[in-house]
Amino acid sequence: MGSRTTTLVCTALVLFGASGCSSAEKPVRIGVLADCSGLFAQSRELSLAAVSLPLIERGARIADDGVVAGVQVATVAGRTVELIPECTEFTYVHRLVAATRRLVEERHAEIVIGPIGSPDGFVFRELAARFPDVTFLHGVTTSQEVTLRDAPDNLFRFTPDGAQSLAGLGAYAYRDLGWRKAVVVGELFVDQWEAAAGFIAEFCSLGGAVVERDWSTLQYNPKPETTAHRHATKADGVVLLTDYTSPTAYLRAYRKAVERLPASLLVGGSWFSATESFRRQDGVDLRGVVRAGYIPLAPDAAGMREYKESFADAFPGLGASAGDPLAVPRYTAMNAVLNALEATGGELGHGQVAFRQALRSRETNAPFGAVKLDRNRQMTGHTYLERATAGAAGKTVMEPVRTLDGVEQSFDGIFTPASAPPSAVAPACVRRAPPPWAR
């Protein structure tokens, strides 16, 4: 990673809040929790670039040497904005607690953008309840529960939970592919349970049956031929979900067990959030296979294309990673914050009432489409079904299959605060009224 990118990210975060500001009014101080060590340590620069970009898009001047120049880069609606990064580490919640307390109690952050991961998201929710005078925005977390159940009034999320991200896939399996029995294959992580919940609830509501939930084969079975054959024998198809574990070994085995892979396989999860994941590798050809996700990969997705171009222009060394699921939620959260500040003339208001009302009521244009919030301050928006296909010169490209609008967290009442949280065995497979997009 070049020094130009590093300098740009760092200087974009030091926005001269006290020393360079000509206004007597204090800046709006926004804390940003970014992983500096552990599994996601390499994402720190990307995360900080993502929260800096909305400021750059509002008038930041980038000098020829790549340095962000001047106080005006951090001015929104006439008010200076100061970003304050703090280090945390995925699943090390004691670091998250300490970093958040430093931001609020010592560095006087008025808004905090959260960390990576569902386990961290639960702790972040409790921290929000502890500091009701500060506005908290979830960073990268898919947990349904953190907004559906007992979410404090000062907590917001502008990206979907795991179930929302797979909306539409159950109906596609049932109606388009004709599946009546399905197997879910995923990692033994809470994020996979969250995503699987969306498929299971929708597919079963239409009358389908999930005959197996396999949370071990991907990670713990180096020779998955037996399980792949079992899955192919007992079901019409497999929904494969993975974030961190390569699915190649399982896919090789499953491909040999079925007649046509595109008719018998659907995919989701962060592993399949880049077109490169669908290119032929190790004898597995995924052309024709459909994936679901909230970040579109099709080249004609205008919002994502413009966002990626803006990212690459501001941060050339990071542009290739602009569509990463670790970057898009942070950009979206920061963009929502700045939209709300613009609506209030740069004022937070007493108790941040005016600012939070603007956050709740204003539609935010995210790279993946327009976002609204429900009464739990949870994103309602879009999910995309896309198919891998052959493009020019033999390249793999993604083509749109279906775009779902208005995907809301409850799935029209299937998920409620009284529901069992998604787990290795929940939700149950029950036939009921399907959500609107599946009817």
Protein backbone atom coordinates (compact mmCIF):
# COMPACT_ATOMS: atom_id res chain seq x y z
CA MET A 1 0.00 0.00 0.00
CA GLY A 2 1.54 3.26 -1.15
CA SER A 3 2.57 6.12 1.08
CA ARG A 4 0.22 8.42 -0.85
CA THR A 5 -2.81 6.41 0.26
CA THR A 6 -1.55 6.14 3.83
CA THR A 7 -0.94 9.87 4.04
CA LEU A 8 -4.34 10.63 2.54
CA VAL A 9 -6.23 8.39 4.95
CA CYS A 10 -4.42 9.74 7.98
CA THR A 11 -4.71 13.39 7.03
CA ALA A 12 -8.35 12.94 6.14
CA LEU A 13 -8.90 11.94 9.74
CA VAL A 14 -7.01 14.82 11.29
CA LEU A 15 -9.33 17.59 10.28
CA PHE A 16 -7.80 20.45 12.22
CA GLY A 17 -10.77 20.53 14.60
CA ALA A 18 -9.13 22.94 17.05
CA SER A 19 -5.94 24.25 15.54
CA GLY A 20 -7.03 25.02 12.01
CA CYS A 21 -10.63 26.07 12.40
CA SER A 22 -11.45 29.72 12.07
CA SER A 23 -14.92 29.25 13.56
CA ALA A 24 -15.41 29.70 17.27
CA GLU A 25 -18.04 26.96 17.26
CA LYS A 26 -16.71 23.62 18.39
CA PRO A 27 -16.58 20.83 15.81
CA VAL A 28 -18.94 17.89 15.67
CA ARG A 29 -16.79 15.03 16.97
CA ILE A 30 -17.36 11.63 15.38
CA GLY A 31 -15.65 8.57 16.82
CA VAL A 32 -14.73 5.72 14.49
CA LEU A 33 -13.94 2.23 15.81
CA ALA A 34 -11.54 0.41 13.49
CA ASP A 35 -9.70 -2.87 13.93
CA CYS A 36 -5.96 -2.33 14.41
CA SER A 37 -4.99 -5.91 15.28
CA GLY A 38 -6.24 -9.44 14.91
CA LEU A 39 -8.19 -11.01 12.05
CA PHE A 40 -9.24 -7.71 10.46
CA ALA A 41 -6.16 -5.61 11.20
CA GLN A 42 -5.52 -5.18 7.48
CA SER A 43 -8.92 -3.45 7.13
CA ARG A 44 -8.02 -0.39 9.21
CA GLU A 45 -6.98 1.87 6.35
CA LEU A 46 -9.94 0.74 4.27
CA SER A 47 -12.35 1.46 7.12
CA LEU A 48 -10.94 4.92 7.76
CA ALA A 49 -10.94 5.73 4.06
CA ALA A 50 -14.61 4.69 3.85
CA VAL A 51 -15.68 7.10 6.59
CA SER A 52 -13.52 9.88 5.12
CA LEU A 53 -14.92 9.62 1.60
CA PRO A 54 -18.32 11.26 2.29
CA LEU A 55 -16.42 14.33 3.55
CA ILE A 56 -14.22 14.37 0.47
CA GLU A 57 -17.32 14.12 -1.72
CA ARG A 58 -18.65 17.24 -0.02
CA GLY A 59 -15.76 19.41 -1.08
CA ALA A 60 -12.51 18.11 0.26
CA ARG A 61 -9.56 19.46 -1.72
CA ILE A 62 -6.89 16.86 -2.35
CA ALA A 63 -3.59 18.55 -3.13
CA ASP A 64 -1.24 17.26 -5.83
CA ASP A 65 0.87 15.49 -3.23
CA GLY A 66 -2.17 13.58 -1.98
CA VAL A 67 -2.62 15.57 1.22
CA VAL A 68 -6.08 16.67 2.22
CA ALA A 69 -5.82 20.45 2.40
CA GLY A 70 -7.55 22.86 4.70
CA VAL A 71 -10.29 23.10 7.30
CA GLN A 72 -12.97 23.23 4.63
CA VAL A 73 -12.55 19.51 3.97
CA ALA A 74 -14.38 18.84 7.22
CA THR A 75 -17.08 21.46 6.92
CA VAL A 76 -20.69 20.28 6.61
CA ALA A 77 -23.54 22.79 6.64
CA GLY A 78 -21.10 25.39 7.94
CA ARG A 79 -19.97 23.17 10.82
CA THR A 80 -16.54 21.60 11.20
CA VAL A 81 -16.51 17.85 11.56
CA GLU A 82 -13.68 16.06 13.36
CA LEU A 83 -13.12 12.32 13.03
CA ILE A 84 -11.54 10.50 15.97
CA PRO A 85 -10.32 6.95 15.29
CA GLU A 86 -9.89 4.41 18.07
CA CYS A 87 -8.49 0.88 17.84
CA THR A 88 -10.47 -2.25 18.58
CA GLU A 89 -10.20 -5.93 17.66
CA PHE A 90 -12.84 -8.34 16.42
CA THR A 91 -14.34 -10.44 19.29
CA TYR A 92 -12.01 -8.89 21.91
CA VAL A 93 -14.88 -7.05 23.52
CA HIS A 94 -12.83 -5.68 26.41
CA ARG A 95 -10.93 -3.62 23.81
CA LEU A 96 -14.23 -2.46 22.32
CA VAL A 97 -15.51 -1.35 25.71
CA ALA A 98 -12.29 0.49 26.53
CA ALA A 99 -12.08 2.18 23.11
CA THR A 100 -15.71 3.32 23.20
CA ARG A 101 -15.34 4.70 26.71
CA ARG A 102 -12.24 6.63 25.64
CA LEU A 103 -14.12 8.11 22.71
CA VAL A 104 -17.06 9.22 24.83
CA GLU A 105 -15.59 9.98 28.24
CA GLU A 106 -12.16 11.34 27.35
CA ARG A 107 -12.35 12.50 23.74
CA HIS A 108 -15.96 13.72 23.95
CA ALA A 109 -17.28 12.07 20.79
CA GLU A 110 -20.92 12.96 20.15
CA ILE A 111 -21.43 10.29 17.47
CA VAL A 112 -19.77 6.86 17.30
CA ILE A 113 -19.57 4.56 14.26
CA GLY A 114 -19.24 0.96 15.39
CA PRO A 115 -16.92 -1.99 14.89
CA ILE A 116 -16.81 -5.21 12.87
CA GLY A 117 -18.73 -8.36 13.76
CA SER A 118 -21.95 -9.60 15.28
CA PRO A 119 -20.46 -10.43 18.72
CA ASP A 120 -19.08 -6.90 18.88
CA GLY A 121 -22.45 -5.58 17.73
CA PHE A 122 -24.15 -6.96 20.84
CA VAL A 123 -21.67 -5.19 23.11
CA PHE A 124 -21.98 -2.02 21.04
CA ARG A 125 -25.73 -2.07 21.64
CA GLU A 126 -25.17 -2.23 25.39
CA LEU A 127 -22.64 0.60 25.22
CA ALA A 128 -25.20 2.71 23.38
CA ALA A 129 -27.64 2.14 26.23
CA ARG A 130 -24.95 3.22 28.69
CA PHE A 131 -24.35 6.54 26.89
CA PRO A 132 -27.82 7.82 25.87
CA ASP A 133 -26.54 11.33 25.09
CA VAL A 134 -24.32 9.97 22.28
CA THR A 135 -25.62 8.71 18.92
CA PHE A 136 -24.34 5.26 17.95
CA LEU A 137 -24.36 3.81 14.42
CA HIS A 138 -23.62 0.15 13.82
CA GLY A 139 -20.59 -0.51 11.67
CA VAL A 140 -20.30 -4.00 10.16
CA THR A 141 -22.68 -6.38 11.90
CA THR A 142 -25.37 -8.74 10.59
CA SER A 143 -27.05 -9.66 13.87
CA GLN A 144 -30.81 -9.32 13.69
CA GLU A 145 -31.23 -8.99 17.43
CA VAL A 146 -29.19 -5.82 17.93
CA THR A 147 -31.94 -3.69 16.41
CA LEU A 148 -34.99 -5.97 16.51
CA ARG A 149 -34.87 -6.53 20.27
CA ASP A 150 -34.26 -3.96 23.04
CA ALA A 151 -32.38 -1.46 20.88
CA PRO A 152 -31.91 1.89 22.67
CA ASP A 153 -33.29 5.01 20.99
CA ASN A 154 -29.80 6.33 20.20
CA LEU A 155 -28.75 3.28 18.12
CA PHE A 156 -29.11 3.16 14.31
CA ARG A 157 -28.16 0.75 11.49
CA PHE A 158 -28.13 1.72 7.81
CA THR A 159 -27.24 -1.70 6.40
CA PRO A 160 -29.28 -4.93 6.45
CA ASP A 161 -29.10 -7.71 8.95
CA GLY A 162 -28.11 -11.16 7.74
CA ALA A 163 -31.65 -12.34 7.06
CA GLN A 164 -32.43 -9.26 4.98
CA SER A 165 -29.32 -9.80 2.87
CA LEU A 166 -30.72 -13.14 1.61
CA ALA A 167 -34.26 -11.93 0.98
CA GLY A 168 -35.63 -13.23 -2.29
CA LEU A 169 -33.42 -16.31 -2.43
CA GLY A 170 -36.03 -18.58 -0.84
CA ALA A 171 -38.70 -17.54 -3.33
CA TYR A 172 -36.25 -17.96 -6.21
CA ALA A 173 -35.43 -21.49 -5.06
CA TYR A 174 -39.10 -22.42 -4.63
CA ARG A 175 -40.61 -20.75 -7.70
CA ASP A 176 -37.84 -20.38 -10.28
CA LEU A 177 -35.83 -23.53 -9.57
CA GLY A 178 -38.74 -25.63 -8.35
CA TRP A 179 -37.06 -26.74 -5.13
CA ARG A 180 -39.21 -28.32 -2.47
CA LYS A 181 -36.41 -29.63 -0.23
CA ALA A 182 -33.21 -27.73 0.56
CA VAL A 183 -30.02 -28.16 2.57
CA VAL A 184 -28.25 -25.18 4.12
CA VAL A 185 -24.46 -25.48 4.28
CA GLY A 186 -22.50 -22.86 6.20
CA GLU A 187 -19.81 -22.05 8.72
CA LEU A 188 -20.27 -22.49 12.45
CA PHE A 189 -20.51 -18.72 12.97
CA VAL A 190 -23.39 -16.57 14.12
CA ASP A 191 -23.23 -14.57 10.86
CA GLN A 192 -24.12 -17.71 8.90
CA TRP A 193 -27.05 -18.44 11.20
CA GLU A 194 -28.27 -14.87 10.66
CA ALA A 195 -28.10 -15.16 6.88
CA ALA A 196 -29.61 -18.64 6.80
CA ALA A 197 -32.60 -17.36 8.78
CA GLY A 198 -33.68 -15.24 5.83
CA PHE A 199 -33.63 -18.13 3.38
CA ILE A 200 -35.25 -20.59 5.80
CA ALA A 201 -38.07 -18.26 6.81
CA GLU A 202 -38.93 -17.38 3.22
CA PHE A 203 -38.51 -20.82 1.62
CA CYS A 204 -40.48 -22.55 4.35
CA SER A 205 -43.24 -19.92 4.35
CA LEU A 206 -43.97 -20.93 0.75
CA GLY A 207 -44.15 -24.62 1.60
CA GLY A 208 -40.54 -25.72 1.16
CA ALA A 209 -38.69 -27.89 3.68
CA VAL A 210 -35.15 -27.40 4.95
CA VAL A 211 -34.11 -31.01 5.52
CA GLU A 212 -30.61 -30.37 6.91
CA ARG A 213 -28.55 -27.53 8.35
CA ASP A 214 -24.90 -28.51 7.98
CA TRP A 215 -22.60 -26.22 10.01
CA SER A 216 -19.55 -28.49 10.02
CA THR A 217 -18.67 -29.69 6.52
CA LEU A 218 -17.07 -26.48 5.26
CA GLN A 219 -14.68 -25.98 8.16
CA TYR A 220 -14.14 -29.42 9.64
CA ASN A 221 -14.42 -31.96 6.81
CA PRO A 222 -11.39 -32.01 4.48
CA LYS A 223 -13.00 -34.77 2.39
CA PRO A 224 -16.64 -33.70 1.93
CA GLU A 225 -17.55 -36.23 -0.76
CA THR A 226 -19.83 -38.21 1.56
CA THR A 227 -21.75 -35.21 2.87
CA ALA A 228 -22.01 -33.64 -0.60
CA HIS A 229 -23.50 -36.87 -1.96
CA ARG A 230 -25.92 -37.03 0.97
CA HIS A 231 -27.03 -33.45 0.36
CA ALA A 232 -27.58 -34.11 -3.35
CA THR A 233 -29.58 -37.26 -2.58
CA LYS A 234 -31.91 -35.88 0.08
CA ALA A 235 -32.66 -32.40 -1.36
CA ASP A 236 -33.33 -30.54 -4.59
CA GLY A 237 -30.54 -28.09 -3.87
CA VAL A 238 -28.03 -26.57 -1.49
CA VAL A 239 -27.77 -23.00 -0.21
CA LEU A 240 -24.07 -22.43 0.44
CA LEU A 241 -23.12 -19.60 2.83
CA THR A 242 -19.58 -18.67 3.75
CA ASP A 243 -17.62 -15.63 4.89
CA TYR A 244 -14.14 -16.90 5.71
CA THR A 245 -13.82 -20.55 4.62
CA SER A 246 -13.01 -21.52 1.05
CA PRO A 247 -15.90 -23.60 -0.36
CA THR A 248 -13.85 -25.10 -3.20
CA ALA A 249 -13.44 -28.59 -1.75
CA TYR A 250 -17.15 -28.88 -1.03
CA LEU A 251 -18.10 -27.43 -4.42
CA ARG A 252 -15.89 -29.94 -6.26
CA ALA A 253 -17.58 -32.77 -4.40
CA TYR A 254 -21.10 -31.40 -4.82
CA ARG A 255 -20.61 -30.71 -8.54
CA LYS A 256 -19.87 -34.41 -9.07
CA ALA A 257 -23.03 -35.38 -7.18
CA VAL A 258 -25.57 -33.28 -9.14
CA GLU A 259 -26.59 -33.13 -12.76
CA ARG A 260 -26.44 -29.32 -13.18
CA LEU A 261 -24.84 -27.02 -10.63
CA PRO A 262 -26.88 -23.87 -11.52
CA ALA A 263 -30.13 -25.76 -10.90
CA SER A 264 -28.93 -27.19 -7.59
CA LEU A 265 -26.90 -24.45 -5.92
CA LEU A 266 -27.52 -20.97 -4.51
CA VAL A 267 -24.88 -18.94 -2.66
CA GLY A 268 -24.47 -16.04 -0.25
CA GLY A 269 -22.09 -14.59 2.31
CA SER A 270 -19.03 -12.36 2.12
CA TRP A 271 -17.01 -14.97 0.22
CA PHE A 272 -19.33 -14.37 -2.74
CA SER A 273 -19.30 -10.57 -2.48
CA ALA A 274 -16.79 -10.20 -5.34
CA THR A 275 -17.10 -11.34 -8.95
CA GLU A 276 -13.69 -13.01 -8.67
CA SER A 277 -15.24 -15.66 -6.41
CA PHE A 278 -17.32 -16.94 -9.33
CA ARG A 279 -14.47 -17.40 -11.79
CA ARG A 280 -13.63 -20.97 -12.71
CA GLN A 281 -11.15 -22.37 -10.22
CA ASP A 282 -9.98 -25.86 -9.33
CA GLY A 283 -12.40 -27.43 -11.76
CA VAL A 284 -15.49 -25.67 -10.39
CA ASP A 285 -17.45 -23.60 -12.90
CA LEU A 286 -19.99 -21.34 -11.15
CA ARG A 287 -21.39 -19.73 -14.28
CA GLY A 288 -25.16 -19.81 -14.07
CA VAL A 289 -25.23 -19.90 -10.27
CA VAL A 290 -27.31 -17.22 -8.51
CA ARG A 291 -26.18 -15.34 -5.41
CA ALA A 292 -28.03 -13.00 -3.06
CA GLY A 293 -26.62 -9.96 -1.30
CA TYR A 294 -27.24 -6.31 -0.59
CA ILE A 295 -24.10 -5.09 -2.39
CA PRO A 296 -24.70 -5.51 -6.15
CA LEU A 297 -21.88 -6.89 -8.30
CA ALA A 298 -23.41 -6.35 -11.74
CA PRO A 299 -21.41 -3.77 -13.74
CA ASP A 300 -24.54 -1.79 -14.63
CA ALA A 301 -25.39 -1.07 -10.96
CA ALA A 302 -25.04 2.70 -11.29
CA GLY A 303 -24.84 3.58 -7.61
CA MET A 304 -22.06 1.10 -6.90
CA ARG A 305 -20.17 2.11 -10.02
CA GLU A 306 -20.21 5.79 -9.05
CA TYR A 307 -19.21 4.99 -5.48
CA LYS A 308 -16.28 2.83 -6.62
CA GLU A 309 -15.11 5.52 -9.03
CA SER A 310 -15.25 8.12 -6.27
CA PHE A 311 -13.36 5.82 -3.90
CA ALA A 312 -10.65 5.05 -6.45
CA ASP A 313 -10.23 8.72 -7.28
CA ALA A 314 -9.79 9.69 -3.61
CA PHE A 315 -7.81 6.62 -2.52
CA PRO A 316 -6.08 5.05 -5.56
CA GLY A 317 -4.30 2.43 -3.49
CA LEU A 318 -7.57 1.19 -2.01
CA GLY A 319 -9.95 1.58 -4.93
CA ALA A 320 -10.03 -2.13 -5.75
CA SER A 321 -11.47 -2.81 -2.28
CA ALA A 322 -14.20 -0.17 -2.36
CA GLY A 323 -16.99 -2.75 -2.66
CA ASP A 324 -15.75 -4.78 0.29
CA PRO A 325 -18.44 -5.53 2.91
CA LEU A 326 -16.09 -3.98 5.48
CA ALA A 327 -16.07 -0.64 3.64
CA VAL A 328 -19.59 -0.10 2.28
CA PRO A 329 -21.40 -0.08 5.68
CA ARG A 330 -18.99 2.50 7.11
CA TYR A 331 -19.31 4.76 4.10
CA THR A 332 -23.10 4.46 4.33
CA ALA A 333 -23.20 5.22 8.06
CA MET A 334 -21.01 8.30 7.64
CA ASN A 335 -23.02 9.49 4.66
CA ALA A 336 -26.21 9.19 6.74
CA VAL A 337 -24.61 11.24 9.52
CA LEU A 338 -23.64 14.02 7.13
CA ASN A 339 -27.06 13.99 5.45
CA ALA A 340 -28.67 14.48 8.85
CA LEU A 341 -26.27 17.31 9.73
CA GLU A 342 -27.09 19.01 6.45
CA ALA A 343 -30.79 18.72 7.28
CA THR A 344 -30.29 20.37 10.69
CA GLY A 345 -27.93 23.09 9.49
CA GLY A 346 -25.02 21.45 11.28
CA GLU A 347 -26.78 21.42 14.66
CA LEU A 348 -27.30 18.36 16.80
CA GLY A 349 -29.97 20.01 18.92
CA HIS A 350 -30.68 19.65 22.62
CA GLY A 351 -30.21 16.00 23.52
CA GLN A 352 -29.46 15.44 19.83
CA VAL A 353 -33.22 15.27 19.25
CA ALA A 354 -33.14 17.21 15.97
CA PHE A 355 -30.19 15.27 14.62
CA ARG A 356 -31.68 11.87 15.47
CA GLN A 357 -35.01 12.84 13.98
CA ALA A 358 -33.20 13.71 10.75
CA LEU A 359 -31.35 10.38 10.86
CA ARG A 360 -34.65 8.53 11.27
CA SER A 361 -36.69 10.40 8.70
CA ARG A 362 -34.32 11.27 5.85
CA GLU A 363 -33.74 8.83 3.02
CA THR A 364 -30.04 8.09 2.54
CA ASN A 365 -28.58 7.34 -0.87
CA ALA A 366 -26.23 4.43 -0.27
CA PRO A 367 -24.09 2.75 -2.95
CA PHE A 368 -26.60 -0.13 -2.93
CA GLY A 369 -29.69 2.10 -3.24
CA ALA A 370 -31.96 4.35 -1.22
CA VAL A 371 -32.16 3.46 2.48
CA LYS A 372 -34.98 4.19 4.90
CA LEU A 373 -35.22 3.28 8.57
CA ASP A 374 -38.05 1.45 10.30
CA ARG A 375 -39.37 2.16 13.79
CA ASN A 376 -36.43 0.22 15.28
CA ARG A 377 -34.04 2.50 13.36
CA GLN A 378 -33.08 -0.46 11.18
CA MET A 379 -32.47 -0.20 7.45
CA THR A 380 -35.24 -1.01 4.99
CA GLY A 381 -33.93 -1.22 1.46
CA HIS A 382 -32.80 -3.48 -1.35
CA THR A 383 -31.51 -6.99 -1.91
CA TYR A 384 -30.07 -8.19 -5.21
CA LEU A 385 -30.20 -11.58 -6.89
CA GLU A 386 -27.49 -11.90 -9.54
CA ARG A 387 -26.26 -14.68 -11.83
CA ALA A 388 -22.66 -15.41 -12.78
CA THR A 389 -22.30 -15.49 -16.55
CA ALA A 390 -19.63 -15.38 -19.23
CA GLY A 391 -18.65 -11.90 -20.38
CA ALA A 392 -16.35 -10.55 -23.05
CA ALA A 393 -13.01 -12.32 -23.56
CA GLY A 394 -14.16 -15.20 -21.38
CA LYS A 395 -14.40 -13.10 -18.24
CA THR A 396 -17.04 -13.84 -15.62
CA VAL A 397 -19.54 -11.06 -14.97
CA MET A 398 -22.64 -10.80 -12.84
CA GLU A 399 -26.01 -10.10 -14.44
CA PRO A 400 -29.11 -8.91 -12.57
CA VAL A 401 -31.80 -11.50 -11.97
CA ARG A 402 -34.09 -9.66 -9.55
CA THR A 403 -33.99 -6.55 -7.39
CA LEU A 404 -36.13 -6.52 -4.27
CA ASP A 405 -37.27 -3.19 -2.84
CA GLY A 406 -38.57 -2.47 0.63
CA VAL A 407 -36.95 -5.45 2.33
CA GLU A 408 -37.70 -4.89 6.00
CA GLN A 409 -36.35 -6.67 9.02
CA SER A 410 -39.45 -8.45 10.29
CA PHE A 411 -40.23 -10.22 7.01
CA ASP A 412 -43.81 -8.99 7.50
CA GLY A 413 -44.04 -10.32 11.04
CA ILE A 414 -42.13 -13.59 10.74
CA PHE A 415 -39.36 -12.15 12.93
CA THR A 416 -40.46 -10.31 16.06
CA PRO A 417 -38.87 -9.28 19.37
CA ALA A 418 -40.40 -12.44 20.84
CA SER A 419 -38.89 -14.74 18.19
CA ALA A 420 -35.97 -17.00 19.01
CA PRO A 421 -32.80 -15.33 17.68
CA PRO A 422 -31.28 -17.07 14.64
CA SER A 423 -29.12 -19.99 15.72
CA ALA A 424 -27.94 -23.38 14.54
CA VAL A 425 -31.55 -24.63 14.88
CA ALA A 426 -33.67 -21.47 14.62
CA PRO A 427 -35.83 -20.34 12.98
CA ALA A 428 -38.05 -23.38 12.68
CA CYS A 429 -39.18 -24.33 9.19
CA VAL A 430 -42.86 -23.28 9.23
CA ARG A 431 -45.38 -22.68 6.45
CA ARG A 432 -47.11 -19.33 6.91
CA ALA A 433 -47.90 -16.12 5.05
CA PRO A 434 -44.73 -15.23 3.13
CA PRO A 435 -43.21 -11.73 3.13
CA PRO A 436 -44.56 -9.39 0.42
CA TRP A 437 -41.64 -9.83 -2.00
CA ALA A 438 -42.16 -13.61 -1.98
CA ARG A 439 -45.88 -13.61 -2.75
